[in-house]
Amino acid sequence: MQHILTVLNNWFWWEDMWMPKNCSWANFKDHDGYVFPKPQQLLATIPYAFVMLAIRFFLERCFAIPLANMLGIKKTRRVKPQPNPTLEAFFKECRKPSQSEIRGLAKKCNWTMHLVEKWFRRRRNLEIPTLHKKFQEACWRFVFYTTSFTAGIIFLYDKPWFHDIWLVWLNYPFHSVLPSQYWYYMLEMSFYWSLLFTLGIDTKRKDFKAHVVHHFAALGLMFCSWSANYIRLGTLVMIVHDFADIWLEAAKMFNYARWENTCSVLFVIFSIAFFITRLILFPFWILRATLYYPSLYTDVLVPAYFFFNIQLLILQGLHIYWGYLVFNILKKFIFVKVLRIPIPAWAKISNDKNVKDDRSDEEEEDSFSDAEEEYMKNGHKNGSSHPLLNNNH
């Protein structure tokens, strides 16, 4: 077994996989004040991810919750549905039963159809995060993206390749790693590791799978760019991605607080930032630099180079997908709130005048009457049915 692992390790770190011609790992040994990236350094991002989670826990409890209360976001209490093994078993297979299925379940449980519908509504609501929880997550990400983008500007503003991207390949692969670049990678990678660790408890949206792909692509990109010393390009990719996310998380926070006008303004700013950074700068600035410029500077056509570019193209595909979602929300906002004109049929937008995130699940209204509550608790104890609930409609 140990022999197999040694062979796999030697194959994975084969120099022809990562290095240009006439270059070896020996060239990446530190010397004369030059410090080069070492793949094993990235192992530190795992414990740093747990530090990131501790910071998140502290910020959510000591900053986000008081801020949510100050903005008037009420911490709702979800009412659990009456325990019912039959309905619970069906819920695991289907969250929203049809009318015929509800009728059959009502007969099995000796309940009214109305009570079965209420049970499923409450059960679905239990799996939808409260506004308080959503606000805490948005607040944490807003703080991180703001911090990361600010750090990126401080680290990169005086670097020549930040102003002239042609220089990202100049003298490659002999680029010394600066302390600021090291900590920038540690910050970003530990954050994305922490997002993967909390996938099971964070709010799940309709584009959940796209986010999982994005997190793995981001980690793969950072790992590859560090190991093959594409660090100049890697830092540019990170700073381009962080800027738009600041405005998105801010818009979410004010959306949860029901500050509609502020949310709308922030969402418009986010939309502009997204289209400029993800659909203009990323493909025409960064992708051009990584797909075309290398042929003019040096021979870098090794497997790591192709893997790096595949990950970048995956990100660009996600940008197009998210751009479509953003465009749909922006379309609603322009037609309903700005132009205030009749909604055209082709626009396919609802009559809701709020700009909502199409990826989010909405909590359903849940209001049992006192009579229904009493029936749920005591109705079956004496085998009788409540006079108000003896019809099945």
Protein backbone atom coordinates (compact mmCIF):
# COMPACT_ATOMS: atom_id res chain seq x y z
CA MET A 1 0.00 0.00 0.00
CA GLN A 2 2.77 2.40 0.91
CA HIS A 3 4.52 1.61 -2.36
CA ILE A 4 1.34 2.43 -4.32
CA LEU A 5 0.97 5.76 -2.50
CA THR A 6 4.61 6.58 -3.24
CA VAL A 7 4.13 5.83 -6.94
CA LEU A 8 0.97 7.95 -7.09
CA ASN A 9 2.68 10.81 -5.27
CA ASN A 10 5.66 10.70 -7.64
CA TRP A 11 3.36 10.58 -10.64
CA PHE A 12 1.20 13.46 -9.41
CA TRP A 13 4.20 15.69 -8.74
CA TRP A 14 6.03 14.67 -11.88
CA GLU A 15 7.89 17.78 -13.03
CA ASP A 16 6.61 17.53 -16.59
CA MET A 17 3.07 17.88 -15.15
CA TRP A 18 3.76 21.23 -13.55
CA MET A 19 6.93 22.81 -14.92
CA PRO A 20 7.89 24.34 -18.28
CA LYS A 21 10.67 22.65 -20.22
CA ASN A 22 14.17 22.72 -18.75
CA CYS A 23 12.77 23.49 -15.29
CA SER A 24 12.59 21.28 -12.18
CA TRP A 25 11.49 21.45 -8.56
CA ALA A 26 15.11 22.21 -7.68
CA ASN A 27 14.65 25.61 -9.32
CA PHE A 28 11.95 26.37 -6.74
CA LYS A 29 14.23 26.16 -3.74
CA ASP A 30 14.56 29.43 -1.84
CA HIS A 31 17.80 31.28 -2.49
CA ASP A 32 19.27 34.79 -2.30
CA GLY A 33 16.13 36.27 -0.77
CA TYR A 34 13.81 34.71 -3.36
CA VAL A 35 10.98 32.65 -1.87
CA PHE A 36 9.00 30.26 -4.07
CA PRO A 37 5.63 28.59 -3.46
CA LYS A 38 5.58 25.09 -2.03
CA PRO A 39 2.43 22.95 -2.39
CA GLN A 40 2.67 21.57 1.15
CA GLN A 41 2.17 25.09 2.49
CA LEU A 42 -1.48 24.88 1.45
CA LEU A 43 -2.12 22.21 4.11
CA ALA A 44 -2.22 25.09 6.58
CA THR A 45 -5.49 26.24 5.02
CA ILE A 46 -7.36 23.35 6.69
CA PRO A 47 -6.69 24.45 10.30
CA TYR A 48 -7.10 28.07 9.18
CA ALA A 49 -10.59 27.10 7.95
CA PHE A 50 -11.55 26.17 11.51
CA VAL A 51 -10.17 29.50 12.70
CA MET A 52 -12.38 31.10 10.05
CA LEU A 53 -15.39 29.21 11.41
CA ALA A 54 -14.61 30.42 14.93
CA ILE A 55 -14.45 34.01 13.67
CA ARG A 56 -17.73 33.49 11.84
CA PHE A 57 -19.41 32.10 14.97
CA PHE A 58 -18.20 35.06 17.03
CA LEU A 59 -19.25 37.64 14.43
CA GLU A 60 -22.70 36.14 13.91
CA ARG A 61 -23.44 35.98 17.64
CA CYS A 62 -21.89 39.28 18.75
CA PHE A 63 -22.50 41.49 15.71
CA ALA A 64 -24.98 40.03 13.21
CA ILE A 65 -27.73 39.11 15.71
CA PRO A 66 -27.74 42.53 17.46
CA LEU A 67 -27.69 44.23 14.05
CA ALA A 68 -30.63 42.11 12.86
CA ASN A 69 -32.59 43.05 15.97
CA MET A 70 -31.76 46.72 15.46
CA LEU A 71 -33.02 46.54 11.87
CA GLY A 72 -36.29 45.06 13.06
CA ILE A 73 -35.82 41.47 11.89
CA LYS A 74 -37.89 39.37 14.23
CA LYS A 75 -36.63 36.00 15.34
CA THR A 76 -39.57 33.78 14.47
CA ARG A 77 -40.39 30.55 16.23
CA ARG A 78 -41.43 27.70 14.00
CA VAL A 79 -44.31 25.56 15.24
CA LYS A 80 -43.53 21.88 14.83
CA PRO A 81 -46.23 19.75 13.22
CA GLN A 82 -47.97 17.02 15.18
CA PRO A 83 -45.84 13.82 15.07
CA ASN A 84 -47.29 11.53 12.42
CA PRO A 85 -45.20 8.62 11.05
CA THR A 86 -47.44 8.22 7.99
CA LEU A 87 -47.11 11.83 6.87
CA GLU A 88 -43.43 11.95 7.79
CA ALA A 89 -42.68 8.91 5.64
CA PHE A 90 -44.55 10.47 2.73
CA PHE A 91 -42.77 13.83 3.24
CA LYS A 92 -39.39 12.18 2.72
CA GLU A 93 -40.54 11.13 -0.74
CA CYS A 94 -42.57 14.21 -1.69
CA ARG A 95 -42.57 17.64 -0.02
CA LYS A 96 -45.68 18.94 -1.83
CA PRO A 97 -48.35 16.25 -2.33
CA SER A 98 -51.10 16.67 -4.91
CA GLN A 99 -54.76 17.05 -3.96
CA SER A 100 -55.45 13.39 -4.66
CA GLU A 101 -52.48 12.37 -2.48
CA ILE A 102 -53.66 14.68 0.30
CA ARG A 103 -57.12 13.09 0.11
CA GLY A 104 -55.62 9.61 0.46
CA LEU A 105 -53.39 10.65 3.38
CA ALA A 106 -56.34 12.29 5.11
CA LYS A 107 -58.26 9.00 4.99
CA LYS A 108 -55.27 7.05 6.30
CA CYS A 109 -54.78 9.42 9.24
CA ASN A 110 -58.49 10.08 9.85
CA TRP A 111 -57.78 13.79 9.44
CA THR A 112 -59.36 16.45 7.27
CA MET A 113 -57.60 17.45 4.06
CA HIS A 114 -57.20 20.92 5.53
CA LEU A 115 -55.22 19.58 8.49
CA VAL A 116 -53.01 17.45 6.23
CA GLU A 117 -52.23 20.52 4.11
CA LYS A 118 -51.40 22.46 7.26
CA TRP A 119 -49.13 19.64 8.46
CA PHE A 120 -47.14 19.65 5.22
CA ARG A 121 -46.94 23.43 5.25
CA ARG A 122 -45.48 23.44 8.77
CA ARG A 123 -43.14 20.58 7.93
CA ARG A 124 -41.82 22.45 4.88
CA ASN A 125 -41.36 25.61 6.93
CA LEU A 126 -39.16 23.73 9.39
CA GLU A 127 -36.62 23.19 6.61
CA ILE A 128 -36.60 26.82 5.48
CA PRO A 129 -34.06 28.93 7.39
CA THR A 130 -35.45 31.88 9.30
CA LEU A 131 -34.72 35.46 8.25
CA HIS A 132 -32.46 35.75 11.29
CA LYS A 133 -30.31 32.85 10.07
CA LYS A 134 -30.20 34.16 6.50
CA PHE A 135 -29.21 37.60 7.77
CA GLN A 136 -26.39 36.16 9.87
CA GLU A 137 -24.96 34.29 6.88
CA ALA A 138 -25.21 37.34 4.61
CA CYS A 139 -23.60 39.54 7.26
CA TRP A 140 -20.66 37.13 7.66
CA ARG A 141 -20.07 36.93 3.92
CA PHE A 142 -20.39 40.69 3.55
CA VAL A 143 -17.69 41.20 6.18
CA PHE A 144 -15.43 38.59 4.58
CA TYR A 145 -15.76 39.83 1.00
CA THR A 146 -15.25 43.43 2.09
CA THR A 147 -12.15 42.45 4.08
CA SER A 148 -10.78 40.23 1.30
CA PHE A 149 -11.33 42.80 -1.46
CA THR A 150 -9.79 45.57 0.64
CA ALA A 151 -6.78 43.35 1.41
CA GLY A 152 -6.48 42.50 -2.30
CA ILE A 153 -6.39 46.17 -3.28
CA ILE A 154 -3.75 46.89 -0.61
CA PHE A 155 -1.66 43.90 -1.74
CA LEU A 156 -1.92 44.54 -5.50
CA TYR A 157 -2.31 48.26 -6.17
CA ASP A 158 1.45 48.87 -6.48
CA LYS A 159 2.23 45.67 -8.42
CA PRO A 160 3.13 46.29 -12.09
CA TRP A 161 1.09 43.31 -13.39
CA PHE A 162 -2.02 44.77 -11.75
CA HIS A 163 -1.83 47.71 -14.14
CA ASP A 164 -0.30 45.88 -17.10
CA ILE A 165 -1.53 42.27 -17.25
CA TRP A 166 1.01 41.41 -19.93
CA LEU A 167 3.55 41.22 -17.12
CA VAL A 168 1.92 38.24 -15.39
CA TRP A 169 4.05 35.90 -17.53
CA LEU A 170 7.25 37.96 -17.60
CA ASN A 171 10.18 35.81 -16.30
CA TYR A 172 7.81 32.93 -15.54
CA PRO A 173 8.18 30.59 -13.63
CA PHE A 174 10.77 32.39 -11.52
CA HIS A 175 8.33 34.62 -9.62
CA SER A 176 9.17 35.09 -5.96
CA VAL A 177 6.21 34.82 -3.59
CA LEU A 178 5.58 37.91 -1.49
CA PRO A 179 4.25 37.62 2.10
CA SER A 180 1.12 39.51 1.05
CA GLN A 181 0.44 36.95 -1.69
CA TYR A 182 0.93 34.09 0.76
CA TRP A 183 -1.60 35.50 3.25
CA TYR A 184 -4.02 36.41 0.48
CA TYR A 185 -4.10 32.76 -0.59
CA MET A 186 -4.40 31.56 3.01
CA LEU A 187 -7.34 33.91 3.57
CA GLU A 188 -9.23 32.92 0.44
CA MET A 189 -8.62 29.16 0.59
CA SER A 190 -9.49 28.87 4.28
CA PHE A 191 -12.75 30.74 3.59
CA TYR A 192 -13.78 28.38 0.78
CA TRP A 193 -12.84 25.35 2.87
CA SER A 194 -15.07 26.71 5.63
CA LEU A 195 -17.95 27.07 3.15
CA LEU A 196 -17.58 23.41 2.19
CA PHE A 197 -17.54 22.39 5.86
CA THR A 198 -20.86 24.18 6.49
CA LEU A 199 -22.73 23.09 3.34
CA GLY A 200 -25.03 20.91 5.44
CA ILE A 201 -26.17 23.73 7.75
CA ASP A 202 -26.05 26.82 5.52
CA THR A 203 -29.09 28.05 3.62
CA LYS A 204 -29.71 25.90 0.54
CA ARG A 205 -30.90 27.77 -2.53
CA LYS A 206 -32.07 26.57 -5.91
CA ASP A 207 -28.54 27.02 -7.31
CA PHE A 208 -27.03 24.92 -4.49
CA LYS A 209 -25.28 22.53 -6.89
CA ALA A 210 -23.79 25.45 -8.82
CA HIS A 211 -22.36 26.82 -5.57
CA VAL A 212 -20.79 23.45 -4.71
CA VAL A 213 -19.17 23.33 -8.17
CA HIS A 214 -17.98 26.91 -7.69
CA HIS A 215 -16.37 26.18 -4.31
CA PHE A 216 -14.50 23.14 -5.63
CA ALA A 217 -13.44 25.02 -8.78
CA ALA A 218 -12.20 27.92 -6.67
CA LEU A 219 -10.15 25.61 -4.42
CA GLY A 220 -8.83 23.71 -7.44
CA LEU A 221 -7.82 26.96 -9.10
CA MET A 222 -5.99 28.24 -6.04
CA PHE A 223 -4.24 24.92 -5.47
CA CYS A 224 -3.14 24.69 -9.10
CA SER A 225 -2.09 28.33 -9.42
CA TRP A 226 -0.05 28.10 -6.20
CA SER A 227 1.65 24.81 -7.10
CA ALA A 228 2.51 25.89 -10.66
CA ASN A 229 3.35 29.46 -9.57
CA TYR A 230 0.53 31.16 -11.48
CA ILE A 231 0.16 33.31 -8.39
CA ARG A 232 0.01 36.65 -10.19
CA LEU A 233 -2.98 35.45 -12.20
CA GLY A 234 -4.49 33.76 -9.15
CA THR A 235 -4.56 36.97 -7.13
CA LEU A 236 -6.20 38.83 -10.02
CA VAL A 237 -8.91 36.16 -10.30
CA MET A 238 -9.64 36.46 -6.58
CA ILE A 239 -9.94 40.24 -6.51
CA VAL A 240 -12.21 40.28 -9.57
CA HIS A 241 -14.60 37.81 -7.92
CA ASP A 242 -14.82 39.46 -4.50
CA PHE A 243 -15.97 42.92 -5.58
CA ALA A 244 -19.48 42.09 -6.81
CA ASP A 245 -20.18 39.75 -3.88
CA ILE A 246 -19.88 42.67 -1.44
CA TRP A 247 -22.91 44.37 -2.96
CA LEU A 248 -24.89 41.13 -3.27
CA GLU A 249 -24.56 40.29 0.42
CA ALA A 250 -25.38 43.88 1.40
CA ALA A 251 -28.52 43.74 -0.76
CA LYS A 252 -29.54 40.47 0.90
CA MET A 253 -29.14 41.96 4.37
CA PHE A 254 -31.43 44.89 3.60
CA ASN A 255 -33.86 42.60 1.78
CA TYR A 256 -34.26 40.50 4.92
CA ALA A 257 -34.77 43.73 6.90
CA ARG A 258 -37.52 44.77 4.42
CA TRP A 259 -35.69 47.96 3.43
CA GLU A 260 -36.96 47.67 -0.11
CA ASN A 261 -35.57 50.90 -1.59
CA THR A 262 -32.10 50.36 -0.12
CA CYS A 263 -32.14 46.73 -1.27
CA SER A 264 -33.13 47.80 -4.80
CA VAL A 265 -30.31 50.35 -5.05
CA LEU A 266 -27.75 47.86 -3.76
CA PHE A 267 -28.99 45.18 -6.14
CA VAL A 268 -28.64 47.52 -9.12
CA ILE A 269 -25.07 48.32 -8.01
CA PHE A 270 -24.40 44.59 -7.64
CA SER A 271 -25.80 43.90 -11.12
CA ILE A 272 -23.54 46.52 -12.68
CA ALA A 273 -20.52 45.25 -10.73
CA PHE A 274 -21.33 41.65 -11.66
CA PHE A 275 -21.63 42.29 -15.40
CA ILE A 276 -18.44 44.40 -15.45
CA THR A 277 -16.26 42.05 -13.37
CA ARG A 278 -17.63 38.60 -14.27
CA LEU A 279 -18.79 39.06 -17.88
CA ILE A 280 -16.34 41.70 -19.15
CA LEU A 281 -13.15 41.85 -17.08
CA PHE A 282 -12.93 38.13 -16.36
CA PRO A 283 -13.26 36.82 -19.94
CA PHE A 284 -11.63 39.72 -21.83
CA TRP A 285 -8.90 40.56 -19.32
CA ILE A 286 -8.03 37.46 -17.32
CA LEU A 287 -9.00 34.66 -19.71
CA ARG A 288 -7.24 36.43 -22.54
CA ALA A 289 -4.13 36.73 -20.38
CA THR A 290 -4.12 33.04 -19.50
CA LEU A 291 -5.22 31.58 -22.86
CA TYR A 292 -3.34 33.79 -25.32
CA TYR A 293 -0.45 35.63 -23.69
CA PRO A 294 1.59 32.54 -22.60
CA SER A 295 2.31 31.65 -26.21
CA LEU A 296 4.06 35.00 -26.58
CA TYR A 297 6.21 34.67 -23.48
CA THR A 298 7.16 31.08 -22.64
CA ASP A 299 6.29 27.46 -23.23
CA VAL A 300 3.86 26.63 -20.41
CA LEU A 301 1.68 24.10 -22.23
CA VAL A 302 1.88 21.43 -19.53
CA PRO A 303 -1.04 19.49 -17.91
CA ALA A 304 -1.24 21.92 -14.96
CA TYR A 305 -1.74 24.80 -17.40
CA PHE A 306 -4.67 23.05 -19.07
CA PHE A 307 -6.21 22.07 -15.72
CA PHE A 308 -5.93 25.69 -14.58
CA ASN A 309 -7.69 26.96 -17.68
CA ILE A 310 -10.41 24.32 -17.52
CA GLN A 311 -11.25 25.53 -14.00
CA LEU A 312 -11.34 29.12 -15.26
CA LEU A 313 -13.71 28.14 -18.07
CA ILE A 314 -15.96 26.33 -15.56
CA LEU A 315 -16.12 29.55 -13.56
CA GLN A 316 -17.00 31.48 -16.69
CA GLY A 317 -19.82 29.03 -17.38
CA LEU A 318 -21.14 29.63 -13.86
CA HIS A 319 -20.87 33.39 -14.45
CA ILE A 320 -23.10 33.08 -17.50
CA TYR A 321 -25.62 30.98 -15.55
CA TRP A 322 -25.70 33.42 -12.63
CA GLY A 323 -25.78 36.33 -15.07
CA TYR A 324 -29.00 34.88 -16.47
CA LEU A 325 -30.51 34.74 -12.96
CA VAL A 326 -29.39 38.29 -12.21
CA PHE A 327 -30.83 39.50 -15.50
CA ASN A 328 -34.23 37.94 -14.68
CA ILE A 329 -34.37 39.69 -11.29
CA LEU A 330 -33.18 42.97 -12.82
CA LYS A 331 -35.83 42.65 -15.53
CA LYS A 332 -38.53 42.44 -12.88
CA PHE A 333 -37.12 45.48 -11.11
CA ILE A 334 -36.97 47.61 -14.29
CA PHE A 335 -40.48 46.77 -15.49
CA VAL A 336 -42.28 46.88 -12.16
CA LYS A 337 -40.54 49.50 -10.02
CA VAL A 338 -38.74 51.82 -12.45
CA LEU A 339 -40.75 52.01 -15.66
CA ARG A 340 -44.09 51.24 -13.96
CA ILE A 341 -45.56 49.98 -17.21
CA PRO A 342 -47.88 47.03 -17.82
CA ILE A 343 -45.99 43.77 -17.63
CA PRO A 344 -45.50 42.25 -21.11
CA ALA A 345 -46.34 38.58 -21.51
CA TRP A 346 -42.86 37.67 -22.72
CA ALA A 347 -41.28 39.04 -19.54
CA LYS A 348 -42.88 36.27 -17.48
CA ILE A 349 -42.77 38.15 -14.22
CA SER A 350 -45.17 37.96 -11.34
CA ASN A 351 -47.33 40.75 -9.97
CA ASP A 352 -45.15 40.95 -6.89
CA LYS A 353 -43.72 44.45 -6.71
CA ASN A 354 -40.71 43.44 -4.68
CA VAL A 355 -37.40 42.49 -6.21
CA LYS A 356 -36.83 39.00 -4.85
CA ASP A 357 -34.06 36.48 -5.12
CA ASP A 358 -35.43 33.77 -7.41
CA ARG A 359 -33.07 31.26 -5.81
CA SER A 360 -34.69 31.50 -2.37
CA ASP A 361 -37.51 29.49 -0.89
CA GLU A 362 -40.25 31.53 0.76
CA GLU A 363 -41.74 30.59 4.11
CA GLU A 364 -45.40 29.70 3.70
CA GLU A 365 -48.13 31.27 5.81
CA ASP A 366 -49.02 29.12 8.77
CA SER A 367 -51.98 30.01 10.97
CA PHE A 368 -53.87 27.25 12.73
CA SER A 369 -56.95 28.45 14.56
CA ASP A 370 -57.32 27.69 18.27
CA ALA A 371 -60.05 25.17 17.43
CA GLU A 372 -57.75 23.34 15.04
CA GLU A 373 -54.93 23.32 17.59
CA GLU A 374 -57.25 21.86 20.21
CA TYR A 375 -58.40 19.21 17.76
CA MET A 376 -54.81 18.27 16.90
CA LYS A 377 -54.06 17.79 20.58
CA ASN A 378 -57.24 16.15 21.85
CA GLY A 379 -59.37 15.21 18.84
CA HIS A 380 -58.33 11.58 18.71
CA LYS A 381 -58.33 10.97 22.46
CA ASN A 382 -62.08 10.48 22.56
CA GLY A 383 -62.47 9.33 18.95
CA SER A 384 -64.60 12.34 18.01
CA SER A 385 -64.12 14.91 15.30
CA HIS A 386 -64.45 18.64 15.72
CA PRO A 387 -67.73 20.00 14.37
CA LEU A 388 -65.90 22.69 12.40
CA LEU A 389 -63.65 20.13 10.71
CA ASN A 390 -66.00 17.37 9.64
CA ASN A 391 -65.87 18.17 5.89
CA ASN A 392 -63.02 17.28 3.55
CA HIS A 393 -62.39 20.43 1.57
